[in-house]
PDB file of N, CA and C in Angstrom:
ATOM      1  N   MET A   1      99.992 107.357  48.181  1.00  0.00           N
ATOM      2  CA  MET A   1     100.369 106.831  49.476  1.00  0.00           C
ATOM      3  C   MET A   1      99.721 105.297  49.627  1.00  0.00           C
ATOM      4  N   SER A   2     100.514 104.427  50.022  1.00  0.00           N
ATOM      5  CA  SER A   2     100.235 103.250  50.122  1.00  0.00           C
ATOM      6  C   SER A   2      99.653 102.873  51.434  1.00  0.00           C
ATOM      7  N   ARG A   3      98.951 101.949  51.510  1.00  0.00           N
ATOM      8  CA  ARG A   3      98.140 101.731  52.987  1.00  0.00           C
ATOM      9  C   ARG A   3      99.250 101.015  53.921  1.00  0.00           C
ATOM     10  N   TYR A   4     100.352 100.710  53.362  1.00  0.00           N
ATOM     11  CA  TYR A   4     101.512 100.209  54.216  1.00  0.00           C
ATOM     12  C   TYR A   4     102.510 100.951  54.557  1.00  0.00           C
ATOM     13  N   THR A   5     102.403 102.258  54.245  1.00  0.00           N
ATOM     14  CA  THR A   5     103.505 103.234  54.516  1.00  0.00           C
ATOM     15  C   THR A   5     103.828 103.341  55.925  1.00  0.00           C
ATOM     16  N   ASN A   6     103.020 103.223  56.726  1.00  0.00           N
ATOM     17  CA  ASN A   6     103.415 103.347  58.211  1.00  0.00           C
ATOM     18  C   ASN A   6     103.479 101.972  58.832  1.00  0.00           C
ATOM     19  N   SER A   7     103.475 101.023  57.995  1.00  0.00           N
ATOM     20  CA  SER A   7     103.560  99.516  58.589  1.00  0.00           C
ATOM     21  C   SER A   7     104.966  99.249  59.134  1.00  0.00           C
ATOM     22  N   LYS A   8     104.953  98.527  60.362  1.00  0.00           N
ATOM     23  CA  LYS A   8     106.370  98.125  61.080  1.00  0.00           C
ATOM     24  C   LYS A   8     106.488  96.815  60.338  1.00  0.00           C
ATOM     25  N   LYS A   9     107.946  96.383  60.255  1.00  0.00           N
ATOM     26  CA  LYS A   9     108.228  95.195  59.971  1.00  0.00           C
ATOM     27  C   LYS A   9     108.348  94.276  61.128  1.00  0.00           C
ATOM     28  N   VAL A  10     107.844  93.132  60.925  1.00  0.00           N
ATOM     29  CA  VAL A  10     108.070  92.026  61.977  1.00  0.00           C
ATOM     30  C   VAL A  10     108.523  90.696  61.666  1.00  0.00           C
ATOM     31  N   ASN A  11     109.281  90.143  62.581  1.00  0.00           N
ATOM     32  CA  ASN A  11     109.778  88.801  62.354  1.00  0.00           C
ATOM     33  C   ASN A  11     108.697  87.742  62.682  1.00  0.00           C
ATOM     34  N   ASN A  12     108.374  86.974  61.676  1.00  0.00           N
ATOM     35  CA  ASN A  12     107.141  85.796  62.011  1.00  0.00           C
ATOM     36  C   ASN A  12     108.069  84.582  62.026  1.00  0.00           C
ATOM     37  N   ASP A  13     107.856  83.877  63.329  1.00  0.00           N
ATOM     38  CA  ASP A  13     108.446  82.488  63.412  1.00  0.00           C
ATOM     39  C   ASP A  13     107.475  81.576  64.011  1.00  0.00           C
ATOM     40  N   LEU A  14     106.268  81.777  63.664  1.00  0.00           N
ATOM     41  CA  LEU A  14     105.073  80.855  64.219  1.00  0.00           C
ATOM     42  C   LEU A  14     105.427  79.537  63.731  1.00  0.00           C
ATOM     43  N   ASP A  15     104.815  78.579  64.425  1.00  0.00           N
ATOM     44  CA  ASP A  15     104.897  77.143  64.082  1.00  0.00           C
ATOM     45  C   ASP A  15     104.426  76.683  62.895  1.00  0.00           C
ATOM     46  N   PHE A  16     103.374  77.503  62.418  1.00  0.00           N
ATOM     47  CA  PHE A  16     102.597  77.251  61.275  1.00  0.00           C
ATOM     48  C   PHE A  16     103.634  77.302  60.070  1.00  0.00           C
ATOM     49  N   TYR A  17     104.558  78.228  59.983  1.00  0.00           N
ATOM     50  CA  TYR A  17     105.737  78.363  58.968  1.00  0.00           C
ATOM     51  C   TYR A  17     106.964  77.417  59.327  1.00  0.00           C
ATOM     52  N   SER A  18     106.894  76.603  60.327  1.00  0.00           N
ATOM     53  CA  SER A  18     108.175  75.882  60.412  1.00  0.00           C
ATOM     54  C   SER A  18     108.581  74.951  59.321  1.00  0.00           C
ATOM     55  N   PRO A  19     107.616  74.420  58.519  1.00  0.00           N
ATOM     56  CA  PRO A  19     108.108  73.508  57.456  1.00  0.00           C
ATOM     57  C   PRO A  19     108.739  74.428  56.388  1.00  0.00           C
ATOM     58  N   LEU A  20     108.214  75.548  56.010  1.00  0.00           N
ATOM     59  CA  LEU A  20     108.811  76.392  55.156  1.00  0.00           C
ATOM     60  C   LEU A  20     110.096  77.144  55.790  1.00  0.00           C
ATOM     61  N   LEU A  21     110.217  77.430  56.973  1.00  0.00           N
ATOM     62  CA  LEU A  21     111.600  77.897  57.418  1.00  0.00           C
ATOM     63  C   LEU A  21     112.474  76.945  57.223  1.00  0.00           C
ATOM     64  N   GLU A  22     112.274  75.630  57.752  1.00  0.00           N
ATOM     65  CA  GLU A  22     113.192  74.558  57.700  1.00  0.00           C
ATOM     66  C   GLU A  22     113.659  74.309  56.238  1.00  0.00           C
ATOM     67  N   LYS A  23     112.825  74.420  55.284  1.00  0.00           N
ATOM     68  CA  LYS A  23     113.064  74.068  53.809  1.00  0.00           C
ATOM     69  C   LYS A  23     113.963  75.115  53.292  1.00  0.00           C
ATOM     70  N   ARG A  24     113.829  76.529  53.882  1.00  0.00           N
ATOM     71  CA  ARG A  24     114.520  77.550  53.256  1.00  0.00           C
ATOM     72  C   ARG A  24     115.746  77.743  54.193  1.00  0.00           C
ATOM     73  N   GLY A  25     115.819  77.115  55.288  1.00  0.00           N
ATOM     74  CA  GLY A  25     117.100  77.359  56.122  1.00  0.00           C
ATOM     75  C   GLY A  25     117.108  78.523  56.858  1.00  0.00           C
ATOM     76  N   ILE A  26     115.942  78.943  57.232  1.00  0.00           N
ATOM     77  CA  ILE A  26     115.935  80.425  57.927  1.00  0.00           C
ATOM     78  C   ILE A  26     115.193  80.229  59.223  1.00  0.00           C
ATOM     79  N   LYS A  27     115.229  81.283  60.159  1.00  0.00           N
ATOM     80  CA  LYS A  27     114.751  81.093  61.432  1.00  0.00           C
ATOM     81  C   LYS A  27     113.369  81.746  61.615  1.00  0.00           C
ATOM     82  N   SER A  28     113.238  82.800  60.600  1.00  0.00           N
ATOM     83  CA  SER A  28     111.982  83.590  60.597  1.00  0.00           C
ATOM     84  C   SER A  28     111.721  84.365  59.311  1.00  0.00           C
ATOM     85  N   ILE A  29     110.546  84.701  59.004  1.00  0.00           N
ATOM     86  CA  ILE A  29     110.233  85.353  57.757  1.00  0.00           C
ATOM     87  C   ILE A  29     109.911  86.881  58.179  1.00  0.00           C
ATOM     88  N   GLN A  30     110.498  87.862  57.546  1.00  0.00           N
ATOM     89  CA  GLN A  30     110.112  89.245  57.767  1.00  0.00           C
ATOM     90  C   GLN A  30     108.856  89.625  56.993  1.00  0.00           C
ATOM     91  N   GLN A  31     107.873  90.228  57.587  1.00  0.00           N
ATOM     92  CA  GLN A  31     106.840  90.586  56.988  1.00  0.00           C
ATOM     93  C   GLN A  31     106.269  92.058  57.512  1.00  0.00           C
ATOM     94  N   LEU A  32     105.408  92.537  56.703  1.00  0.00           N
ATOM     95  CA  LEU A  32     104.826  94.017  57.215  1.00  0.00           C
ATOM     96  C   LEU A  32     103.678  93.576  58.190  1.00  0.00           C
ATOM     97  N   GLN A  33     103.444  94.337  59.178  1.00  0.00           N
ATOM     98  CA  GLN A  33     102.629  94.027  60.299  1.00  0.00           C
ATOM     99  C   GLN A  33     101.184  94.504  59.628  1.00  0.00           C
ATOM    100  N   THR A  34     100.321  93.703  59.912  1.00  0.00           N
ATOM    101  CA  THR A  34      98.868  94.086  59.360  1.00  0.00           C
ATOM    102  C   THR A  34      98.381  95.311  59.651  1.00  0.00           C
ATOM    103  N   VAL A  35      97.843  95.978  58.643  1.00  0.00           N
ATOM    104  CA  VAL A  35      97.349  97.417  58.729  1.00  0.00           C
ATOM    105  C   VAL A  35      95.993  97.300  59.218  1.00  0.00           C
ATOM    106  N   ILE A  36      95.811  98.042  60.478  1.00  0.00           N
ATOM    107  CA  ILE A  36      94.417  98.120  60.818  1.00  0.00           C
ATOM    108  C   ILE A  36      93.717  99.455  60.450  1.00  0.00           C
ATOM    109  N   ILE A  37      92.638  99.378  59.453  1.00  0.00           N
ATOM    110  CA  ILE A  37      92.057 100.308  58.972  1.00  0.00           C
ATOM    111  C   ILE A  37      90.725 100.608  59.710  1.00  0.00           C
ATOM    112  N   LYS A  38      90.519 101.712  60.419  1.00  0.00           N
ATOM    113  CA  LYS A  38      89.148 101.904  61.117  1.00  0.00           C
ATOM    114  C   LYS A  38      88.016 102.215  60.006  1.00  0.00           C
ATOM    115  N   ASN A  39      86.844 101.821  60.522  1.00  0.00           N
ATOM    116  CA  ASN A  39      85.624 102.140  59.828  1.00  0.00           C
ATOM    117  C   ASN A  39      85.204 103.516  60.295  1.00  0.00           C
ATOM    118  N   PRO A  40      84.946 104.451  59.252  1.00  0.00           N
ATOM    119  CA  PRO A  40      84.582 105.783  59.783  1.00  0.00           C
ATOM    120  C   PRO A  40      83.433 105.869  60.185  1.00  0.00           C
ATOM    121  N   GLU A  41      82.887 106.595  61.255  1.00  0.00           N
ATOM    122  CA  GLU A  41      81.598 106.901  61.846  1.00  0.00           C
ATOM    123  C   GLU A  41      80.802 107.355  60.762  1.00  0.00           C
ATOM    124  N   ILE A  42      79.528 107.220  61.020  1.00  0.00           N
ATOM    125  CA  ILE A  42      78.517 107.890  59.998  1.00  0.00           C
ATOM    126  C   ILE A  42      78.715 109.401  60.022  1.00  0.00           C
ATOM    127  N   PHE A  43      78.917 110.030  61.036  1.00  0.00           N
ATOM    128  CA  PHE A  43      79.157 111.528  60.847  1.00  0.00           C
ATOM    129  C   PHE A  43      80.351 111.840  59.972  1.00  0.00           C
ATOM    130  N   GLU A  44      81.427 110.924  60.020  1.00  0.00           N
ATOM    131  CA  GLU A  44      82.518 111.046  59.149  1.00  0.00           C
ATOM    132  C   GLU A  44      82.219 110.910  57.766  1.00  0.00           C
ATOM    133  N   ARG A  45      81.428 109.958  57.533  1.00  0.00           N
ATOM    134  CA  ARG A  45      81.036 109.557  56.130  1.00  0.00           C
ATOM    135  C   ARG A  45      80.171 110.710  55.405  1.00  0.00           C
ATOM    136  N   ILE A  46      79.386 111.169  56.274  1.00  0.00           N
ATOM    137  CA  ILE A  46      78.499 112.279  55.780  1.00  0.00           C
ATOM    138  C   ILE A  46      79.124 113.477  55.470  1.00  0.00           C
ATOM    139  N   GLN A  47      80.214 113.775  56.189  1.00  0.00           N
ATOM    140  CA  GLN A  47      81.161 115.065  55.799  1.00  0.00           C
ATOM    141  C   GLN A  47      82.002 114.734  54.564  1.00  0.00           C
ATOM    142  N   LEU A  48      82.226 113.559  54.097  1.00  0.00           N
ATOM    143  CA  LEU A  48      82.921 113.255  53.013  1.00  0.00           C
ATOM    144  C   LEU A  48      82.214 113.593  51.728  1.00  0.00           C
ATOM    145  N   LYS A  49      82.822 114.257  50.790  1.00  0.00           N
ATOM    146  CA  LYS A  49      82.174 114.698  49.501  1.00  0.00           C
ATOM    147  C   LYS A  49      82.538 113.395  48.627  1.00  0.00           C
ATOM    148  N   THR A  50      81.718 112.912  47.841  1.00  0.00           N
ATOM    149  CA  THR A  50      81.822 111.887  47.045  1.00  0.00           C
ATOM    150  C   THR A  50      81.309 112.076  45.718  1.00  0.00           C
ATOM    151  N   ASP A  51      81.584 111.119  44.842  1.00  0.00           N
ATOM    152  CA  ASP A  51      81.136 111.247  43.554  1.00  0.00           C
ATOM    153  C   ASP A  51      80.308 110.008  43.255  1.00  0.00           C
ATOM    154  N   THR A  52      79.150 110.008  42.528  1.00  0.00           N
ATOM    155  CA  THR A  52      78.604 108.641  42.228  1.00  0.00           C
ATOM    156  C   THR A  52      78.986 108.089  41.062  1.00  0.00           C
ATOM    157  N   TYR A  53      79.320 106.776  40.955  1.00  0.00           N
ATOM    158  CA  TYR A  53      79.890 106.328  39.762  1.00  0.00           C
ATOM    159  C   TYR A  53      79.024 104.914  39.489  1.00  0.00           C
ATOM    160  N   ILE A  54      78.678 104.608  38.270  1.00  0.00           N
ATOM    161  CA  ILE A  54      77.911 103.356  37.929  1.00  0.00           C
ATOM    162  C   ILE A  54      78.967 102.491  37.200  1.00  0.00           C
ATOM    163  N   TRP A  55      79.095 101.327  37.831  1.00  0.00           N
ATOM    164  CA  TRP A  55      80.215 100.457  37.404  1.00  0.00           C
ATOM    165  C   TRP A  55      79.664  99.811  35.897  1.00  0.00           C
ATOM    166  N   LYS A  56      80.696  99.846  35.160  1.00  0.00           N
ATOM    167  CA  LYS A  56      80.397  99.313  33.644  1.00  0.00           C
ATOM    168  C   LYS A  56      81.170  98.147  33.516  1.00  0.00           C
ATOM    169  N   TYR A  57      80.724  97.228  32.465  1.00  0.00           N
ATOM    170  CA  TYR A  57      81.726  96.044  31.980  1.00  0.00           C
ATOM    171  C   TYR A  57      82.994  96.651  31.636  1.00  0.00           C
ATOM    172  N   GLY A  58      83.968  95.904  32.272  1.00  0.00           N
ATOM    173  CA  GLY A  58      85.487  96.273  31.981  1.00  0.00           C
ATOM    174  C   GLY A  58      86.012  97.281  32.882  1.00  0.00           C
ATOM    175  N   ASP A  59      85.318  97.778  33.734  1.00  0.00           N
ATOM    176  CA  ASP A  59      85.869  98.826  34.849  1.00  0.00           C
ATOM    177  C   ASP A  59      86.749  98.135  35.725  1.00  0.00           C
ATOM    178  N   ARG A  60      87.679  98.921  36.205  1.00  0.00           N
ATOM    179  CA  ARG A  60      88.644  98.375  37.094  1.00  0.00           C
ATOM    180  C   ARG A  60      88.949  99.372  38.306  1.00  0.00           C
ATOM    181  N   PHE A  61      89.112  98.912  39.552  1.00  0.00           N
ATOM    182  CA  PHE A  61      89.407  99.945  40.498  1.00  0.00           C
ATOM    183  C   PHE A  61      90.572 100.690  40.247  1.00  0.00           C
ATOM    184  N   TYR A  62      91.753 100.141  39.685  1.00  0.00           N
ATOM    185  CA  TYR A  62      92.892 100.914  39.513  1.00  0.00           C
ATOM    186  C   TYR A  62      92.598 101.944  38.518  1.00  0.00           C
ATOM    187  N   ASN A  63      91.779 101.867  37.479  1.00  0.00           N
ATOM    188  CA  ASN A  63      91.583 102.889  36.681  1.00  0.00           C
ATOM    189  C   ASN A  63      90.746 104.140  37.244  1.00  0.00           C
ATOM    190  N   LEU A  64      89.828 103.627  38.054  1.00  0.00           N
ATOM    191  CA  LEU A  64      89.124 104.594  38.750  1.00  0.00           C
ATOM    192  C   LEU A  64      90.162 105.501  39.720  1.00  0.00           C
ATOM    193  N   ALA A  65      90.896 104.743  40.378  1.00  0.00           N
ATOM    194  CA  ALA A  65      91.870 105.414  41.078  1.00  0.00           C
ATOM    195  C   ALA A  65      92.718 106.359  40.389  1.00  0.00           C
ATOM    196  N   TYR A  66      93.141 106.105  39.273  1.00  0.00           N
ATOM    197  CA  TYR A  66      93.963 106.909  38.409  1.00  0.00           C
ATOM    198  C   TYR A  66      93.089 108.011  37.947  1.00  0.00           C
ATOM    199  N   THR A  67      91.908 107.950  37.839  1.00  0.00           N
ATOM    200  CA  THR A  67      91.017 108.967  37.201  1.00  0.00           C
ATOM    201  C   THR A  67      90.871 109.954  38.429  1.00  0.00           C
ATOM    202  N   TYR A  68      90.536 109.560  39.568  1.00  0.00           N
ATOM    203  CA  TYR A  68      90.140 110.331  40.628  1.00  0.00           C
ATOM    204  C   TYR A  68      91.187 110.829  41.515  1.00  0.00           C
ATOM    205  N   TYR A  69      92.255 110.058  41.599  1.00  0.00           N
ATOM    206  CA  TYR A  69      93.448 110.406  42.508  1.00  0.00           C
ATOM    207  C   TYR A  69      94.812 110.608  41.796  1.00  0.00           C
ATOM    208  N   ASN A  70      94.789 110.286  40.590  1.00  0.00           N
ATOM    209  CA  ASN A  70      96.083 110.334  39.651  1.00  0.00           C
ATOM    210  C   ASN A  70      97.049 109.265  40.040  1.00  0.00           C
ATOM    211  N   ASP A  71      96.482 108.252  40.928  1.00  0.00           N
ATOM    212  CA  ASP A  71      97.415 107.180  41.359  1.00  0.00           C
ATOM    213  C   ASP A  71      96.729 105.895  41.425  1.00  0.00           C
ATOM    214  N   PRO A  72      96.990 104.913  40.659  1.00  0.00           N
ATOM    215  CA  PRO A  72      96.305 103.489  40.393  1.00  0.00           C
ATOM    216  C   PRO A  72      96.551 102.705  41.728  1.00  0.00           C
ATOM    217  N   GLN A  73      97.499 103.037  42.428  1.00  0.00           N
ATOM    218  CA  GLN A  73      97.898 102.115  43.671  1.00  0.00           C
ATOM    219  C   GLN A  73      96.815 102.534  44.712  1.00  0.00           C
ATOM    220  N   LEU A  74      96.028 103.595  44.635  1.00  0.00           N
ATOM    221  CA  LEU A  74      95.049 103.960  45.623  1.00  0.00           C
ATOM    222  C   LEU A  74      93.611 103.154  45.331  1.00  0.00           C
ATOM    223  N   TRP A  75      93.832 102.181  44.620  1.00  0.00           N
ATOM    224  CA  TRP A  75      92.548 101.387  44.103  1.00  0.00           C
ATOM    225  C   TRP A  75      91.790 101.013  45.415  1.00  0.00           C
ATOM    226  N   TRP A  76      92.492 100.592  46.517  1.00  0.00           N
ATOM    227  CA  TRP A  76      92.051 100.008  47.700  1.00  0.00           C
ATOM    228  C   TRP A  76      91.032 100.876  48.468  1.00  0.00           C
ATOM    229  N   ILE A  77      91.253 102.192  48.232  1.00  0.00           N
ATOM    230  CA  ILE A  77      90.392 103.213  48.889  1.00  0.00           C
ATOM    231  C   ILE A  77      88.952 103.010  48.425  1.00  0.00           C
ATOM    232  N   ILE A  78      88.673 103.020  46.958  1.00  0.00           N
ATOM    233  CA  ILE A  78      87.530 102.827  46.404  1.00  0.00           C
ATOM    234  C   ILE A  78      86.898 101.532  46.705  1.00  0.00           C
ATOM    235  N   ALA A  79      87.689 100.401  46.662  1.00  0.00           N
ATOM    236  CA  ALA A  79      87.143  99.141  46.995  1.00  0.00           C
ATOM    237  C   ALA A  79      86.677  99.126  48.461  1.00  0.00           C
ATOM    238  N   TRP A  80      87.590  99.544  49.374  1.00  0.00           N
ATOM    239  CA  TRP A  80      87.194  99.493  50.734  1.00  0.00           C
ATOM    240  C   TRP A  80      85.945 100.350  51.199  1.00  0.00           C
ATOM    241  N   TYR A  81      85.980 101.522  50.607  1.00  0.00           N
ATOM    242  CA  TYR A  81      84.883 102.520  50.819  1.00  0.00           C
ATOM    243  C   TYR A  81      83.561 102.003  50.454  1.00  0.00           C
ATOM    244  N   ASN A  82      83.598 101.203  49.293  1.00  0.00           N
ATOM    245  CA  ASN A  82      82.247 100.558  48.934  1.00  0.00           C
ATOM    246  C   ASN A  82      82.046  99.064  49.368  1.00  0.00           C
ATOM    247  N   GLY A  83      82.838  98.656  50.017  1.00  0.00           N
ATOM    248  CA  GLY A  83      82.633  97.275  50.658  1.00  0.00           C
ATOM    249  C   GLY A  83      82.964  96.171  49.900  1.00  0.00           C
ATOM    250  N   TYR A  84      83.608  96.406  48.715  1.00  0.00           N
ATOM    251  CA  TYR A  84      84.000  95.314  47.705  1.00  0.00           C
ATOM    252  C   TYR A  84      85.461  94.806  47.762  1.00  0.00           C
ATOM    253  N   PRO A  85      85.674  93.598  48.157  1.00  0.00           N
ATOM    254  CA  PRO A  85      87.065  93.175  48.428  1.00  0.00           C
ATOM    255  C   PRO A  85      87.852  93.034  47.011  1.00  0.00           C
ATOM    256  N   THR A  86      87.038  92.620  46.042  1.00  0.00           N
ATOM    257  CA  THR A  86      87.699  92.453  44.759  1.00  0.00           C
ATOM    258  C   THR A  86      86.692  93.069  43.548  1.00  0.00           C
ATOM    259  N   GLU A  87      87.271  93.115  42.528  1.00  0.00           N
ATOM    260  CA  GLU A  87      86.394  93.663  41.293  1.00  0.00           C
ATOM    261  C   GLU A  87      85.508  92.570  40.898  1.00  0.00           C
ATOM    262  N   ALA A  88      85.686  91.288  41.076  1.00  0.00           N
ATOM    263  CA  ALA A  88      84.863  90.300  40.977  1.00  0.00           C
ATOM    264  C   ALA A  88      83.638  90.371  41.607  1.00  0.00           C
ATOM    265  N   ASN A  89      83.363  91.078  42.848  1.00  0.00           N
ATOM    266  CA  ASN A  89      82.349  91.411  43.727  1.00  0.00           C
ATOM    267  C   ASN A  89      81.459  92.382  43.097  1.00  0.00           C
ATOM    268  N   VAL A  90      81.895  93.208  42.124  1.00  0.00           N
ATOM    269  CA  VAL A  90      81.143  94.350  41.679  1.00  0.00           C
ATOM    270  C   VAL A  90      80.441  93.854  40.555  1.00  0.00           C
ATOM    271  N   LYS A  91      79.053  94.223  40.218  1.00  0.00           N
ATOM    272  CA  LYS A  91      78.343  93.782  39.228  1.00  0.00           C
ATOM    273  C   LYS A  91      78.094  94.977  38.247  1.00  0.00           C
ATOM    274  N   THR A  92      77.916  94.958  37.012  1.00  0.00           N
ATOM    275  CA  THR A  92      77.717  95.953  36.064  1.00  0.00           C
ATOM    276  C   THR A  92      76.398  96.521  36.607  1.00  0.00           C
ATOM    277  N   GLY A  93      76.354  97.749  36.687  1.00  0.00           N
ATOM    278  CA  GLY A  93      75.124  98.654  37.231  1.00  0.00           C
ATOM    279  C   GLY A  93      75.204  98.853  38.522  1.00  0.00           C
ATOM    280  N   ASP A  94      76.071  98.399  39.340  1.00  0.00           N
ATOM    281  CA  ASP A  94      76.269  98.737  40.796  1.00  0.00           C
ATOM    282  C   ASP A  94      76.836 100.174  40.999  1.00  0.00           C
ATOM    283  N   VAL A  95      76.185 100.811  41.982  1.00  0.00           N
ATOM    284  CA  VAL A  95      76.482 102.189  42.081  1.00  0.00           C
ATOM    285  C   VAL A  95      77.685 102.407  43.250  1.00  0.00           C
ATOM    286  N   LEU A  96      78.621 102.951  42.924  1.00  0.00           N
ATOM    287  CA  LEU A  96      79.820 103.210  43.801  1.00  0.00           C
ATOM    288  C   LEU A  96      79.828 104.755  44.231  1.00  0.00           C
ATOM    289  N   GLU A  97      80.070 104.955  45.292  1.00  0.00           N
ATOM    290  CA  GLU A  97      80.391 106.221  45.959  1.00  0.00           C
ATOM    291  C   GLU A  97      82.066 106.427  46.090  1.00  0.00           C
ATOM    292  N   ILE A  98      82.564 107.410  45.238  1.00  0.00           N
ATOM    293  CA  ILE A  98      83.915 107.608  45.426  1.00  0.00           C
ATOM    294  C   ILE A  98      84.376 108.850  46.242  1.00  0.00           C
ATOM    295  N   PRO A  99      85.156 108.671  47.240  1.00  0.00           N
ATOM    296  CA  PRO A  99      85.517 109.929  47.925  1.00  0.00           C
ATOM    297  C   PRO A  99      86.269 110.710  47.067  1.00  0.00           C
ATOM    298  N   ILE A 100      86.089 112.113  47.087  1.00  0.00           N
ATOM    299  CA  ILE A 100      86.733 113.063  46.365  1.00  0.00           C
ATOM    300  C   ILE A 100      88.043 113.355  46.860  1.00  0.00           C
ATOM    301  N   SER A 101      87.888 113.875  48.122  1.00  0.00           N
ATOM    302  CA  SER A 101      88.973 114.467  48.903  1.00  0.00           C
ATOM    303  C   SER A 101      89.960 113.318  49.464  1.00  0.00           C
ATOM    304  N   LEU A 102      91.141 113.143  48.727  1.00  0.00           N
ATOM    305  CA  LEU A 102      92.011 112.092  49.256  1.00  0.00           C
ATOM    306  C   LEU A 102      92.471 112.433  50.756  1.00  0.00           C
ATOM    307  N   GLU A 103      92.700 113.529  51.064  1.00  0.00           N
ATOM    308  CA  GLU A 103      93.257 114.002  52.545  1.00  0.00           C
ATOM    309  C   GLU A 103      92.099 113.522  53.454  1.00  0.00           C
ATOM    310  N   GLN A 104      90.926 113.788  53.058  1.00  0.00           N
ATOM    311  CA  GLN A 104      89.678 113.706  54.200  1.00  0.00           C
ATOM    312  C   GLN A 104      89.667 112.179  54.339  1.00  0.00           C
ATOM    313  N   ILE A 105      89.576 111.383  53.401  1.00  0.00           N
ATOM    314  CA  ILE A 105      89.384 109.847  53.383  1.00  0.00           C
ATOM    315  C   ILE A 105      90.517 109.304  54.164  1.00  0.00           C
ATOM    316  N   ILE A 106      91.707 109.672  53.903  1.00  0.00           N
ATOM    317  CA  ILE A 106      92.748 109.039  54.593  1.00  0.00           C
ATOM    318  C   ILE A 106      92.722 109.530  56.036  1.00  0.00           C
ATOM    319  N   GLN A 107      92.216 110.478  56.420  1.00  0.00           N
ATOM    320  CA  GLN A 107      92.169 110.948  57.899  1.00  0.00           C
ATOM    321  C   GLN A 107      91.040 110.153  58.477  1.00  0.00           C
ATOM    322  N   ALA A 108      89.889 110.022  57.646  1.00  0.00           N
ATOM    323  CA  ALA A 108      88.732 109.184  58.260  1.00  0.00           C
ATOM    324  C   ALA A 108      89.136 107.741  58.479  1.00  0.00           C
ATOM    325  N   LEU A 109      90.153 107.107  57.601  1.00  0.00           N
ATOM    326  CA  LEU A 109      90.579 105.729  57.896  1.00  0.00           C
ATOM    327  C   LEU A 109      91.505 105.643  58.982  1.00  0.00           C
ATOM    328  N   GLY A 110      92.059 106.754  59.470  1.00  0.00           N
ATOM    329  CA  GLY A 110      92.807 106.794  60.442  1.00  0.00           C
ATOM    330  C   GLY A 110      94.263 106.382  60.193  1.00  0.00           C
ATOM    331  N   LEU A 111      94.721 106.629  58.924  1.00  0.00           N
ATOM    332  CA  LEU A 111      96.099 106.282  58.459  1.00  0.00           C
ATOM    333  C   LEU A 111      96.901 107.508  58.476  1.00  0.00           C
TER     334      LEU A 111
END
């Protein structure tokens, strides 16, 4: 499941994009509406079963997602849950908590 599965498409015609729109000869750009992911309450996090993983040199979020969820596109769940926007923010030896139940974490995120 992509985090964009339920996103609406919107036409963006903000003045910020006017030079680009003029250059391309179009009136607006169609984009996906920003997904709002809620932060689970502490009681929701406590109920989630997680696995502890120690980050090693060469690790990648998408590999962990494939290992735990059988889908590398779900890398963002592990990154978001641990508060790391990118792999560059994770240091060797950092401890990650990986939610085990995909259904529970999707529900906790409000998706």
